[in-house]
PDB file of all heavy atoms in Angstrom:
ATOM      1  N   VAL A   1     109.422  91.113 103.010  1.00  0.00           N
ATOM      2  CA  VAL A   1     109.193  92.479 103.457  1.00  0.00           C
ATOM      3  C   VAL A   1     107.703  92.786 103.460  1.00  0.00           C
ATOM      4  O   VAL A   1     106.925  92.155 102.730  1.00  0.00           O
ATOM      5  CB  VAL A   1     109.932  93.518 102.579  1.00  0.00           C
ATOM      6  CG1 VAL A   1     111.432  93.336 102.683  1.00  0.00           C
ATOM      7  CG2 VAL A   1     109.472  93.452 101.133  1.00  0.00           C
ATOM      8  N   SER A   2     107.317  93.746 104.294  1.00  0.00           N
ATOM      9  CA  SER A   2     105.946  94.239 104.328  1.00  0.00           C
ATOM     10  C   SER A   2     105.927  95.683 103.863  1.00  0.00           C
ATOM     11  O   SER A   2     106.811  96.476 104.221  1.00  0.00           O
ATOM     12  CB  SER A   2     105.379  94.198 105.758  1.00  0.00           C
ATOM     13  OG  SER A   2     105.151  92.885 106.181  1.00  0.00           O
ATOM     14  N   VAL A   3     104.925  96.006 103.079  1.00  0.00           N
ATOM     15  CA  VAL A   3     104.691  97.398 102.700  1.00  0.00           C
ATOM     16  C   VAL A   3     103.320  97.791 103.237  1.00  0.00           C
ATOM     17  O   VAL A   3     102.295  97.234 102.841  1.00  0.00           O
ATOM     18  CB  VAL A   3     104.745  97.600 101.181  1.00  0.00           C
ATOM     19  CG1 VAL A   3     104.520  99.077 100.840  1.00  0.00           C
ATOM     20  CG2 VAL A   3     106.090  97.143 100.633  1.00  0.00           C
ATOM     21  N   LEU A   4     103.338  98.720 104.149  1.00  0.00           N
ATOM     22  CA  LEU A   4     102.119  99.238 104.756  1.00  0.00           C
ATOM     23  C   LEU A   4     101.721 100.500 104.009  1.00  0.00           C
ATOM     24  O   LEU A   4     102.537 101.431 103.859  1.00  0.00           O
ATOM     25  CB  LEU A   4     102.384  99.536 106.232  1.00  0.00           C
ATOM     26  CG  LEU A   4     101.206  99.724 107.169  1.00  0.00           C
ATOM     27  CD1 LEU A   4     100.404  98.427 107.274  1.00  0.00           C
ATOM     28  CD2 LEU A   4     101.709 100.148 108.540  1.00  0.00           C
ATOM     29  N   VAL A   5     100.495 100.529 103.505  1.00  0.00           N
ATOM     30  CA  VAL A   5     100.026 101.640 102.690  1.00  0.00           C
ATOM     31  C   VAL A   5      98.624 102.001 103.139  1.00  0.00           C
ATOM     32  O   VAL A   5      97.876 101.158 103.640  1.00  0.00           O
ATOM     33  CB  VAL A   5     100.097 101.259 101.189  1.00  0.00           C
ATOM     34  CG1 VAL A   5      99.183 100.098 100.877  1.00  0.00           C
ATOM     35  CG2 VAL A   5      99.813 102.440 100.276  1.00  0.00           C
ATOM     36  N   ALA A   6      98.265 103.268 102.992  1.00  0.00           N
ATOM     37  CA  ALA A   6      96.922 103.718 103.376  1.00  0.00           C
ATOM     38  C   ALA A   6      96.389 104.633 102.289  1.00  0.00           C
ATOM     39  O   ALA A   6      97.148 105.331 101.594  1.00  0.00           O
ATOM     40  CB  ALA A   6      96.950 104.444 104.713  1.00  0.00           C
ATOM     41  N   ARG A   7      95.062 104.628 102.155  1.00  0.00           N
ATOM     42  CA  ARG A   7      94.411 105.467 101.146  1.00  0.00           C
ATOM     43  C   ARG A   7      93.134 106.047 101.716  1.00  0.00           C
ATOM     44  O   ARG A   7      92.379 105.358 102.407  1.00  0.00           O
ATOM     45  CB  ARG A   7      94.104 104.647  99.890  1.00  0.00           C
ATOM     46  CG  ARG A   7      93.512 105.442  98.720  1.00  0.00           C
ATOM     47  CD  ARG A   7      93.381 104.537  97.500  1.00  0.00           C
ATOM     48  NE  ARG A   7      92.875 105.243  96.329  1.00  0.00           N
ATOM     49  CZ  ARG A   7      91.584 105.383  96.042  1.00  0.00           C
ATOM     50  NH1 ARG A   7      90.669 104.852  96.843  1.00  0.00           N
ATOM     51  NH2 ARG A   7      91.202 106.034  94.966  1.00  0.00           N
ATOM     52  N   GLY A   8      92.927 107.337 101.445  1.00  0.00           N
ATOM     53  CA  GLY A   8      91.717 108.008 101.899  1.00  0.00           C
ATOM     54  C   GLY A   8      90.641 107.981 100.834  1.00  0.00           C
ATOM     55  O   GLY A   8      90.886 107.643  99.668  1.00  0.00           O
ATOM     56  N   VAL A   9      89.431 108.361 101.213  1.00  0.00           N
ATOM     57  CA  VAL A   9      88.312 108.370 100.272  1.00  0.00           C
ATOM     58  C   VAL A   9      88.524 109.397  99.160  1.00  0.00           C
ATOM     59  O   VAL A   9      87.950 109.303  98.077  1.00  0.00           O
ATOM     60  CB  VAL A   9      86.985 108.628 101.030  1.00  0.00           C
ATOM     61  CG1 VAL A   9      86.891 110.072 101.506  1.00  0.00           C
ATOM     62  CG2 VAL A   9      85.785 108.260 100.181  1.00  0.00           C
ATOM     63  N   ASP A  10      89.392 110.380  99.423  1.00  0.00           N
ATOM     64  CA  ASP A  10      89.691 111.394  98.408  1.00  0.00           C
ATOM     65  C   ASP A  10      90.750 110.937  97.419  1.00  0.00           C
ATOM     66  O   ASP A  10      91.111 111.676  96.501  1.00  0.00           O
ATOM     67  CB  ASP A  10      90.137 112.689  99.077  1.00  0.00           C
ATOM     68  CG  ASP A  10      91.401 112.524  99.909  1.00  0.00           C
ATOM     69  OD1 ASP A  10      91.780 111.366 100.202  1.00  0.00           O
ATOM     70  OD2 ASP A  10      92.007 113.546 100.285  1.00  0.00           O
ATOM     71  N   GLY A  11      91.253 109.708  97.585  1.00  0.00           N
ATOM     72  CA  GLY A  11      92.257 109.179  96.670  1.00  0.00           C
ATOM     73  C   GLY A  11      93.679 109.421  97.102  1.00  0.00           C
ATOM     74  O   GLY A  11      94.609 108.894  96.480  1.00  0.00           O
ATOM     75  N   GLU A  12      93.895 110.173  98.175  1.00  0.00           N
ATOM     76  CA  GLU A  12      95.255 110.380  98.672  1.00  0.00           C
ATOM     77  C   GLU A  12      95.793 109.062  99.229  1.00  0.00           C
ATOM     78  O   GLU A  12      95.104 108.368  99.979  1.00  0.00           O
ATOM     79  CB  GLU A  12      95.273 111.435  99.783  1.00  0.00           C
ATOM     80  CG  GLU A  12      96.657 111.637 100.380  1.00  0.00           C
ATOM     81  CD  GLU A  12      96.650 112.434 101.680  1.00  0.00           C
ATOM     82  OE1 GLU A  12      95.548 112.735 102.180  1.00  0.00           O
ATOM     83  OE2 GLU A  12      97.737 112.732 102.195  1.00  0.00           O
ATOM     84  N   SER A  13      97.039 108.726  98.883  1.00  0.00           N
ATOM     85  CA  SER A  13      97.668 107.515  99.389  1.00  0.00           C
ATOM     86  C   SER A  13      99.020 107.845 100.011  1.00  0.00           C
ATOM     87  O   SER A  13      99.729 108.745  99.545  1.00  0.00           O
ATOM     88  CB  SER A  13      97.879 106.494  98.264  1.00  0.00           C
ATOM     89  OG  SER A  13      96.644 106.050  97.746  1.00  0.00           O
ATOM     90  N   VAL A  14      99.366 107.108 101.054  1.00  0.00           N
ATOM     91  CA  VAL A  14     100.660 107.269 101.721  1.00  0.00           C
ATOM     92  C   VAL A  14     101.234 105.883 101.960  1.00  0.00           C
ATOM     93  O   VAL A  14     100.504 104.903 102.134  1.00  0.00           O
ATOM     94  CB  VAL A  14     100.540 108.033 103.057  1.00  0.00           C
ATOM     95  CG1 VAL A  14     100.114 109.473 102.823  1.00  0.00           C
ATOM     96  CG2 VAL A  14      99.564 107.342 104.008  1.00  0.00           C
ATOM     97  N   VAL A  15     102.560 105.792 101.979  1.00  0.00           N
ATOM     98  CA  VAL A  15     103.215 104.504 102.150  1.00  0.00           C
ATOM     99  C   VAL A  15     104.288 104.623 103.230  1.00  0.00           C
ATOM    100  O   VAL A  15     104.971 105.649 103.330  1.00  0.00           O
ATOM    101  CB  VAL A  15     103.798 103.997 100.811  1.00  0.00           C
ATOM    102  CG1 VAL A  15     104.873 104.921 100.270  1.00  0.00           C
ATOM    103  CG2 VAL A  15     104.321 102.579 100.943  1.00  0.00           C
ATOM    104  N   TYR A  16     104.430 103.583 104.038  1.00  0.00           N
ATOM    105  CA  TYR A  16     105.403 103.563 105.126  1.00  0.00           C
ATOM    106  C   TYR A  16     106.740 102.997 104.646  1.00  0.00           C
ATOM    107  O   TYR A  16     106.824 102.368 103.593  1.00  0.00           O
ATOM    108  CB  TYR A  16     104.868 102.693 106.277  1.00  0.00           C
ATOM    109  CG  TYR A  16     103.798 103.350 107.115  1.00  0.00           C
ATOM    110  CD1 TYR A  16     102.460 103.298 106.728  1.00  0.00           C
ATOM    111  CD2 TYR A  16     104.116 104.021 108.294  1.00  0.00           C
ATOM    112  CE1 TYR A  16     101.471 103.892 107.492  1.00  0.00           C
ATOM    113  CE2 TYR A  16     103.136 104.621 109.067  1.00  0.00           C
ATOM    114  CZ  TYR A  16     101.821 104.556 108.674  1.00  0.00           C
ATOM    115  OH  TYR A  16     100.843 105.152 109.433  1.00  0.00           O
ATOM    116  N   PRO A  17     107.805 103.194 105.434  1.00  0.00           N
ATOM    117  CA  PRO A  17     109.088 102.565 105.106  1.00  0.00           C
ATOM    118  C   PRO A  17     108.958 101.048 105.033  1.00  0.00           C
ATOM    119  O   PRO A  17     108.081 100.448 105.657  1.00  0.00           O
ATOM    120  CB  PRO A  17     109.987 102.982 106.278  1.00  0.00           C
ATOM    121  CG  PRO A  17     109.362 104.229 106.840  1.00  0.00           C
ATOM    122  CD  PRO A  17     107.885 104.044 106.643  1.00  0.00           C
ATOM    123  N   ILE A  18     109.856 100.426 104.269  1.00  0.00           N
ATOM    124  CA  ILE A  18     109.843  98.974 104.108  1.00  0.00           C
ATOM    125  C   ILE A  18     110.266  98.299 105.412  1.00  0.00           C
ATOM    126  O   ILE A  18     111.295  98.639 105.996  1.00  0.00           O
ATOM    127  CB  ILE A  18     110.805  98.539 102.991  1.00  0.00           C
ATOM    128  CG1 ILE A  18     110.432  99.206 101.664  1.00  0.00           C
ATOM    129  CG2 ILE A  18     110.817  97.020 102.862  1.00  0.00           C
ATOM    130  CD1 ILE A  18     109.168  98.704 101.043  1.00  0.00           C
ATOM    131  N   ALA A  19     109.481  97.333 105.857  1.00  0.00           N
ATOM    132  CA  ALA A  19     109.801  96.543 107.046  1.00  0.00           C
ATOM    133  C   ALA A  19     110.156  95.127 106.619  1.00  0.00           C
ATOM    134  O   ALA A  19     109.576  94.588 105.672  1.00  0.00           O
ATOM    135  CB  ALA A  19     108.614  96.523 108.012  1.00  0.00           C
ATOM    136  N   GLU A  20     111.106  94.529 107.313  1.00  0.00           N
ATOM    137  CA  GLU A  20     111.543  93.163 107.004  1.00  0.00           C
ATOM    138  C   GLU A  20     111.078  92.216 108.095  1.00  0.00           C
ATOM    139  O   GLU A  20     111.180  92.532 109.287  1.00  0.00           O
ATOM    140  CB  GLU A  20     113.062  93.117 106.888  1.00  0.00           C
ATOM    141  CG  GLU A  20     113.611  91.763 106.476  1.00  0.00           C
ATOM    142  CD  GLU A  20     115.108  91.783 106.226  1.00  0.00           C
ATOM    143  OE1 GLU A  20     115.630  92.838 105.760  1.00  0.00           O
ATOM    144  OE2 GLU A  20     115.772  90.765 106.505  1.00  0.00           O
ATOM    145  N   ASN A  21     110.576  91.043 107.694  1.00  0.00           N
ATOM    146  CA  ASN A  21     109.954  90.106 108.640  1.00  0.00           C
ATOM    147  C   ASN A  21     110.722  88.802 108.748  1.00  0.00           C
ATOM    148  O   ASN A  21     111.266  88.304 107.763  1.00  0.00           O
ATOM    149  CB  ASN A  21     108.521  89.782 108.197  1.00  0.00           C
ATOM    150  CG  ASN A  21     107.652  91.016 108.115  1.00  0.00           C
ATOM    151  OD1 ASN A  21     107.749  91.913 108.936  1.00  0.00           O
ATOM    152  ND2 ASN A  21     106.799  91.069 107.107  1.00  0.00           N
ATOM    153  N   MET A  22     110.725  88.258 109.959  1.00  0.00           N
ATOM    154  CA  MET A  22     111.233  86.920 110.214  1.00  0.00           C
ATOM    155  C   MET A  22     110.115  86.120 110.872  1.00  0.00           C
ATOM    156  O   MET A  22     109.465  86.618 111.793  1.00  0.00           O
ATOM    157  CB  MET A  22     112.455  86.968 111.145  1.00  0.00           C
ATOM    158  CG  MET A  22     113.626  87.756 110.590  1.00  0.00           C
ATOM    159  SD  MET A  22     114.933  88.006 111.828  1.00  0.00           S
ATOM    160  CE  MET A  22     115.362  86.311 112.198  1.00  0.00           C
ATOM    161  N   HIS A  23     109.886  84.884 110.393  1.00  0.00           N
ATOM    162  CA  HIS A  23     108.816  84.040 110.914  1.00  0.00           C
ATOM    163  C   HIS A  23     109.374  82.802 111.610  1.00  0.00           C
ATOM    164  O   HIS A  23     110.472  82.342 111.297  1.00  0.00           O
ATOM    165  CB  HIS A  23     107.878  83.592 109.778  1.00  0.00           C
ATOM    166  CG  HIS A  23     107.068  84.698 109.197  1.00  0.00           C
ATOM    167  ND1 HIS A  23     107.582  85.577 108.260  1.00  0.00           N
ATOM    168  CD2 HIS A  23     105.784  85.075 109.406  1.00  0.00           C
ATOM    169  CE1 HIS A  23     106.629  86.446 107.923  1.00  0.00           C
ATOM    170  NE2 HIS A  23     105.536  86.162 108.596  1.00  0.00           N
ATOM    171  N   ARG A  24     108.564  82.278 112.529  1.00  0.00           N
ATOM    172  CA  ARG A  24     108.822  80.980 113.131  1.00  0.00           C
ATOM    173  C   ARG A  24     107.510  80.214 113.200  1.00  0.00           C
ATOM    174  O   ARG A  24     106.509  80.741 113.708  1.00  0.00           O
ATOM    175  CB  ARG A  24     109.415  81.112 114.543  1.00  0.00           C
ATOM    176  CG  ARG A  24     110.887  81.468 114.547  1.00  0.00           C
ATOM    177  CD  ARG A  24     111.475  81.422 115.932  1.00  0.00           C
ATOM    178  NE  ARG A  24     112.896  81.767 115.896  1.00  0.00           N
ATOM    179  CZ  ARG A  24     113.609  82.071 116.961  1.00  0.00           C
ATOM    180  NH1 ARG A  24     113.040  82.064 118.166  1.00  0.00           N
ATOM    181  NH2 ARG A  24     114.884  82.367 116.844  1.00  0.00           N
ATOM    182  N   ASP A  25     107.524  78.990 112.684  1.00  0.00           N
ATOM    183  CA  ASP A  25     106.328  78.136 112.696  1.00  0.00           C
ATOM    184  C   ASP A  25     105.126  78.839 112.070  1.00  0.00           C
ATOM    185  O   ASP A  25     103.986  78.697 112.531  1.00  0.00           O
ATOM    186  CB  ASP A  25     105.993  77.689 114.125  1.00  0.00           C
ATOM    187  CG  ASP A  25     107.128  76.896 114.759  1.00  0.00           C
ATOM    188  OD1 ASP A  25     107.765  76.096 114.039  1.00  0.00           O
ATOM    189  OD2 ASP A  25     107.381  77.078 115.968  1.00  0.00           O
ATOM    190  N   GLY A  26     105.391  79.621 111.027  1.00  0.00           N
ATOM    191  CA  GLY A  26     104.317  80.283 110.304  1.00  0.00           C
ATOM    192  C   GLY A  26     103.769  81.523 110.970  1.00  0.00           C
ATOM    193  O   GLY A  26     102.833  82.137 110.462  1.00  0.00           O
ATOM    194  N   ILE A  27     104.339  81.932 112.100  1.00  0.00           N
ATOM    195  CA  ILE A  27     103.876  83.108 112.835  1.00  0.00           C
ATOM    196  C   ILE A  27     104.978  84.159 112.829  1.00  0.00           C
ATOM    197  O   ILE A  27     106.162  83.830 113.008  1.00  0.00           O
ATOM    198  CB  ILE A  27     103.498  82.749 114.288  1.00  0.00           C
ATOM    199  CG1 ILE A  27     102.378  81.707 114.303  1.00  0.00           C
ATOM    200  CG2 ILE A  27     103.058  83.985 115.068  1.00  0.00           C
ATOM    201  CD1 ILE A  27     102.031  81.203 115.698  1.00  0.00           C
ATOM    202  N   LEU A  28     104.622  85.419 112.646  1.00  0.00           N
ATOM    203  CA  LEU A  28     105.612  86.488 112.662  1.00  0.00           C
ATOM    204  C   LEU A  28     106.373  86.481 113.983  1.00  0.00           C
ATOM    205  O   LEU A  28     105.773  86.464 115.058  1.00  0.00           O
ATOM    206  CB  LEU A  28     104.938  87.840 112.448  1.00  0.00           C
ATOM    207  CG  LEU A  28     105.879  89.047 112.353  1.00  0.00           C
ATOM    208  CD1 LEU A  28     106.770  88.951 111.120  1.00  0.00           C
ATOM    209  CD2 LEU A  28     105.081  90.350 112.331  1.00  0.00           C
ATOM    210  N   PHE A  29     107.686  86.495 113.906  1.00  0.00           N
ATOM    211  CA  PHE A  29     108.564  86.471 115.077  1.00  0.00           C
ATOM    212  C   PHE A  29     109.146  87.855 115.347  1.00  0.00           C
ATOM    213  O   PHE A  29     108.984  88.428 116.424  1.00  0.00           O
ATOM    214  CB  PHE A  29     109.670  85.437 114.848  1.00  0.00           C
ATOM    215  CG  PHE A  29     110.778  85.434 115.865  1.00  0.00           C
ATOM    216  CD1 PHE A  29     110.507  85.494 117.225  1.00  0.00           C
ATOM    217  CD2 PHE A  29     112.106  85.354 115.464  1.00  0.00           C
ATOM    218  CE1 PHE A  29     111.531  85.481 118.161  1.00  0.00           C
ATOM    219  CE2 PHE A  29     113.132  85.335 116.385  1.00  0.00           C
ATOM    220  CZ  PHE A  29     112.845  85.401 117.735  1.00  0.00           C
ATOM    221  N   VAL A  30     109.810  88.427 114.346  1.00  0.00           N
ATOM    222  CA  VAL A  30     110.478  89.724 114.501  1.00  0.00           C
ATOM    223  C   VAL A  30     110.252  90.550 113.243  1.00  0.00           C
ATOM    224  O   VAL A  30     110.248  90.025 112.125  1.00  0.00           O
ATOM    225  CB  VAL A  30     111.995  89.530 114.726  1.00  0.00           C
ATOM    226  CG1 VAL A  30     112.747  90.850 114.585  1.00  0.00           C
ATOM    227  CG2 VAL A  30     112.270  88.921 116.100  1.00  0.00           C
ATOM    228  N   THR A  31     110.057  91.851 113.428  1.00  0.00           N
ATOM    229  CA  THR A  31     110.042  92.809 112.324  1.00  0.00           C
ATOM    230  C   THR A  31     111.135  93.837 112.558  1.00  0.00           C
ATOM    231  O   THR A  31     111.307  94.328 113.678  1.00  0.00           O
ATOM    232  CB  THR A  31     108.683  93.517 112.211  1.00  0.00           C
ATOM    233  OG1 THR A  31     107.682  92.560 111.831  1.00  0.00           O
ATOM    234  CG2 THR A  31     108.711  94.621 111.171  1.00  0.00           C
ATOM    235  N   LEU A  32     111.881  94.150 111.497  1.00  0.00           N
ATOM    236  CA  LEU A  32     112.914  95.165 111.550  1.00  0.00           C
ATOM    237  C   LEU A  32     112.520  96.302 110.620  1.00  0.00           C
ATOM    238  O   LEU A  32     112.171  96.066 109.454  1.00  0.00           O
ATOM    239  CB  LEU A  32     114.272  94.602 111.118  1.00  0.00           C
ATOM    240  CG  LEU A  32     114.786  93.377 111.878  1.00  0.00           C
ATOM    241  CD1 LEU A  32     114.385  92.092 111.139  1.00  0.00           C
ATOM    242  CD2 LEU A  32     116.295  93.426 112.027  1.00  0.00           C
ATOM    243  N   ALA A  33     112.568  97.525 111.133  1.00  0.00           N
ATOM    244  CA  ALA A  33     112.171  98.668 110.317  1.00  0.00           C
ATOM    245  C   ALA A  33     113.125  99.847 110.573  1.00  0.00           C
ATOM    246  O   ALA A  33     113.272 100.251 111.730  1.00  0.00           O
ATOM    247  CB  ALA A  33     110.733  99.079 110.643  1.00  0.00           C
ATOM    248  N   PRO A  34     113.769 100.352 109.550  1.00  0.00           N
ATOM    249  CA  PRO A  34     113.635  99.922 108.159  1.00  0.00           C
ATOM    250  C   PRO A  34     114.369  98.611 107.904  1.00  0.00           C
ATOM    251  O   PRO A  34     115.244  98.212 108.678  1.00  0.00           O
ATOM    252  CB  PRO A  34     114.279 101.078 107.389  1.00  0.00           C
ATOM    253  CG  PRO A  34     115.293 101.635 108.336  1.00  0.00           C
ATOM    254  CD  PRO A  34     114.671 101.499 109.697  1.00  0.00           C
ATOM    255  N   SER A  35     114.020  97.944 106.807  1.00  0.00           N
ATOM    256  CA  SER A  35     114.662  96.689 106.449  1.00  0.00           C
ATOM    257  C   SER A  35     116.158  96.898 106.271  1.00  0.00           C
ATOM    258  O   SER A  35     116.589  97.807 105.552  1.00  0.00           O
ATOM    259  CB  SER A  35     114.079  96.141 105.143  1.00  0.00           C
ATOM    260  OG  SER A  35     114.887  95.109 104.612  1.00  0.00           O
ATOM    261  N   PRO A  36     116.981  96.058 106.908  1.00  0.00           N
ATOM    262  CA  PRO A  36     118.428  96.217 106.765  1.00  0.00           C
ATOM    263  C   PRO A  36     118.978  95.651 105.458  1.00  0.00           C
ATOM    264  O   PRO A  36     120.129  95.919 105.112  1.00  0.00           O
ATOM    265  CB  PRO A  36     118.976  95.439 107.970  1.00  0.00           C
ATOM    266  CG  PRO A  36     117.958  94.386 108.219  1.00  0.00           C
ATOM    267  CD  PRO A  36     116.635  95.005 107.880  1.00  0.00           C
ATOM    268  N   ASN A  37     118.176  94.880 104.739  1.00  0.00           N
ATOM    269  CA  ASN A  37     118.679  94.187 103.558  1.00  0.00           C
ATOM    270  C   ASN A  37     118.161  94.727 102.239  1.00  0.00           C
ATOM    271  O   ASN A  37     118.807  94.566 101.206  1.00  0.00           O
ATOM    272  CB  ASN A  37     118.334  92.691 103.651  1.00  0.00           C
ATOM    273  CG  ASN A  37     119.112  91.992 104.747  1.00  0.00           C
ATOM    274  OD1 ASN A  37     120.336  92.043 104.790  1.00  0.00           O
ATOM    275  ND2 ASN A  37     118.397  91.332 105.661  1.00  0.00           N
ATOM    276  N   VAL A  38     117.005  95.341 102.247  1.00  0.00           N
ATOM    277  CA  VAL A  38     116.393  95.749 100.989  1.00  0.00           C
ATOM    278  C   VAL A  38     117.207  96.873 100.341  1.00  0.00           C
ATOM    279  O   VAL A  38     117.691  97.786 101.020  1.00  0.00           O
ATOM    280  CB  VAL A  38     114.929  96.188 101.221  1.00  0.00           C
ATOM    281  CG1 VAL A  38     114.841  97.527 101.950  1.00  0.00           C
ATOM    282  CG2 VAL A  38     114.160  96.243  99.915  1.00  0.00           C
ATOM    283  N   THR A  39     117.378  96.777  99.033  1.00  0.00           N
ATOM    284  CA  THR A  39     118.086  97.829  98.307  1.00  0.00           C
ATOM    285  C   THR A  39     117.127  98.967  97.987  1.00  0.00           C
ATOM    286  O   THR A  39     115.900  98.805  98.018  1.00  0.00           O
ATOM    287  CB  THR A  39     118.671  97.284  96.994  1.00  0.00           C
ATOM    288  OG1 THR A  39     117.585  96.895  96.129  1.00  0.00           O
ATOM    289  CG2 THR A  39     119.576  96.080  97.250  1.00  0.00           C
ATOM    290  N   ALA A  40     117.684 100.113  97.654  1.00  0.00           N
ATOM    291  CA  ALA A  40     116.844 101.268  97.322  1.00  0.00           C
ATOM    292  C   ALA A  40     115.954 100.974  96.119  1.00  0.00           C
ATOM    293  O   ALA A  40     114.785 101.371  96.087  1.00  0.00           O
ATOM    294  CB  ALA A  40     117.730 102.483  97.055  1.00  0.00           C
ATOM    295  N   ASP A  41     116.492 100.260  95.132  1.00  0.00           N
ATOM    296  CA  ASP A  41     115.708  99.955  93.927  1.00  0.00           C
ATOM    297  C   ASP A  41     114.546  99.025  94.249  1.00  0.00           C
ATOM    298  O   ASP A  41     113.414  99.227  93.779  1.00  0.00           O
ATOM    299  CB  ASP A  41     116.599  99.325  92.863  1.00  0.00           C
ATOM    300  CG  ASP A  41     117.540 100.329  92.208  1.00  0.00           C
ATOM    301  OD1 ASP A  41     117.303 101.541  92.375  1.00  0.00           O
ATOM    302  OD2 ASP A  41     118.502  99.901  91.552  1.00  0.00           O
ATOM    303  N   VAL A  42     114.811  97.970  95.043  1.00  0.00           N
ATOM    304  CA  VAL A  42     113.747  97.030  95.397  1.00  0.00           C
ATOM    305  C   VAL A  42     112.709  97.717  96.280  1.00  0.00           C
ATOM    306  O   VAL A  42     111.499  97.505  96.118  1.00  0.00           O
ATOM    307  CB  VAL A  42     114.327  95.781  96.095  1.00  0.00           C
ATOM    308  CG1 VAL A  42     113.212  94.904  96.657  1.00  0.00           C
ATOM    309  CG2 VAL A  42     115.174  94.976  95.115  1.00  0.00           C
ATOM    310  N   ALA A  43     113.153  98.556  97.225  1.00  0.00           N
ATOM    311  CA  ALA A  43     112.221  99.283  98.094  1.00  0.00           C
ATOM    312  C   ALA A  43     111.295 100.167  97.271  1.00  0.00           C
ATOM    313  O   ALA A  43     110.074 100.196  97.490  1.00  0.00           O
ATOM    314  CB  ALA A  43     112.994 100.118  99.111  1.00  0.00           C
ATOM    315  N   LYS A  44     111.869 100.881  96.311  1.00  0.00           N
ATOM    316  CA  LYS A  44     111.071 101.761  95.456  1.00  0.00           C
ATOM    317  C   LYS A  44     110.055 100.958  94.651  1.00  0.00           C
ATOM    318  O   LYS A  44     108.884 101.341  94.533  1.00  0.00           O
ATOM    319  CB  LYS A  44     111.993 102.543  94.528  1.00  0.00           C
ATOM    320  CG  LYS A  44     111.300 103.546  93.609  1.00  0.00           C
ATOM    321  CD  LYS A  44     112.343 104.370  92.863  1.00  0.00           C
ATOM    322  CE  LYS A  44     111.682 105.458  92.001  1.00  0.00           C
ATOM    323  NZ  LYS A  44     110.987 104.899  90.848  1.00  0.00           N
ATOM    324  N   LYS A  45     110.501  99.812  94.109  1.00  0.00           N
ATOM    325  CA  LYS A  45     109.606  98.982  93.302  1.00  0.00           C
ATOM    326  C   LYS A  45     108.463  98.428  94.145  1.00  0.00           C
ATOM    327  O   LYS A  45     107.305  98.404  93.709  1.00  0.00           O
ATOM    328  CB  LYS A  45     110.397  97.838  92.671  1.00  0.00           C
ATOM    329  CG  LYS A  45     109.634  97.075  91.599  1.00  0.00           C
ATOM    330  CD  LYS A  45     110.542  96.118  90.835  1.00  0.00           C
ATOM    331  CE  LYS A  45     109.799  95.465  89.672  1.00  0.00           C
ATOM    332  NZ  LYS A  45     110.686  94.564  88.898  1.00  0.00           N
ATOM    333  N   ALA A  46     108.766  98.000  95.392  1.00  0.00           N
ATOM    334  CA  ALA A  46     107.736  97.457  96.276  1.00  0.00           C
ATOM    335  C   ALA A  46     106.735  98.535  96.675  1.00  0.00           C
ATOM    336  O   ALA A  46     105.514  98.294  96.683  1.00  0.00           O
ATOM    337  CB  ALA A  46     108.380  96.840  97.513  1.00  0.00           C
ATOM    338  N   GLN A  47     107.227  99.720  97.007  1.00  0.00           N
ATOM    339  CA  GLN A  47     106.323 100.795  97.412  1.00  0.00           C
ATOM    340  C   GLN A  47     105.446 101.254  96.253  1.00  0.00           C
ATOM    341  O   GLN A  47     104.250 101.499  96.429  1.00  0.00           O
ATOM    342  CB  GLN A  47     107.128 101.963  97.983  1.00  0.00           C
ATOM    343  CG  GLN A  47     107.741 101.655  99.350  1.00  0.00           C
ATOM    344  CD  GLN A  47     108.604 102.783  99.865  1.00  0.00           C
ATOM    345  OE1 GLN A  47     109.342 103.420  99.103  1.00  0.00           O
ATOM    346  NE2 GLN A  47     108.533 103.053 101.154  1.00  0.00           N
ATOM    347  N   GLU A  48     106.025 101.342  95.064  1.00  0.00           N
ATOM    348  CA  GLU A  48     105.231 101.746  93.904  1.00  0.00           C
ATOM    349  C   GLU A  48     104.189 100.688  93.564  1.00  0.00           C
ATOM    350  O   GLU A  48     103.056 101.021  93.195  1.00  0.00           O
ATOM    351  CB  GLU A  48     106.160 101.999  92.707  1.00  0.00           C
ATOM    352  CG  GLU A  48     106.981 103.276  92.846  1.00  0.00           C
ATOM    353  CD  GLU A  48     107.928 103.489  91.676  1.00  0.00           C
ATOM    354  OE1 GLU A  48     108.102 102.546  90.866  1.00  0.00           O
ATOM    355  OE2 GLU A  48     108.487 104.599  91.569  1.00  0.00           O
TER     356      GLU A  48
END
């Protein structure tokens, strides 16, 4: 999964929904958002 997060110079941070990735030959092939497999607990832990 990928967690996309951003932070401003004022310290404000925001986080996007969890995206799930599939690769082929080491290159990203497909991304699904939101992730169909991640549980709420794992998503929360990854975002935190």
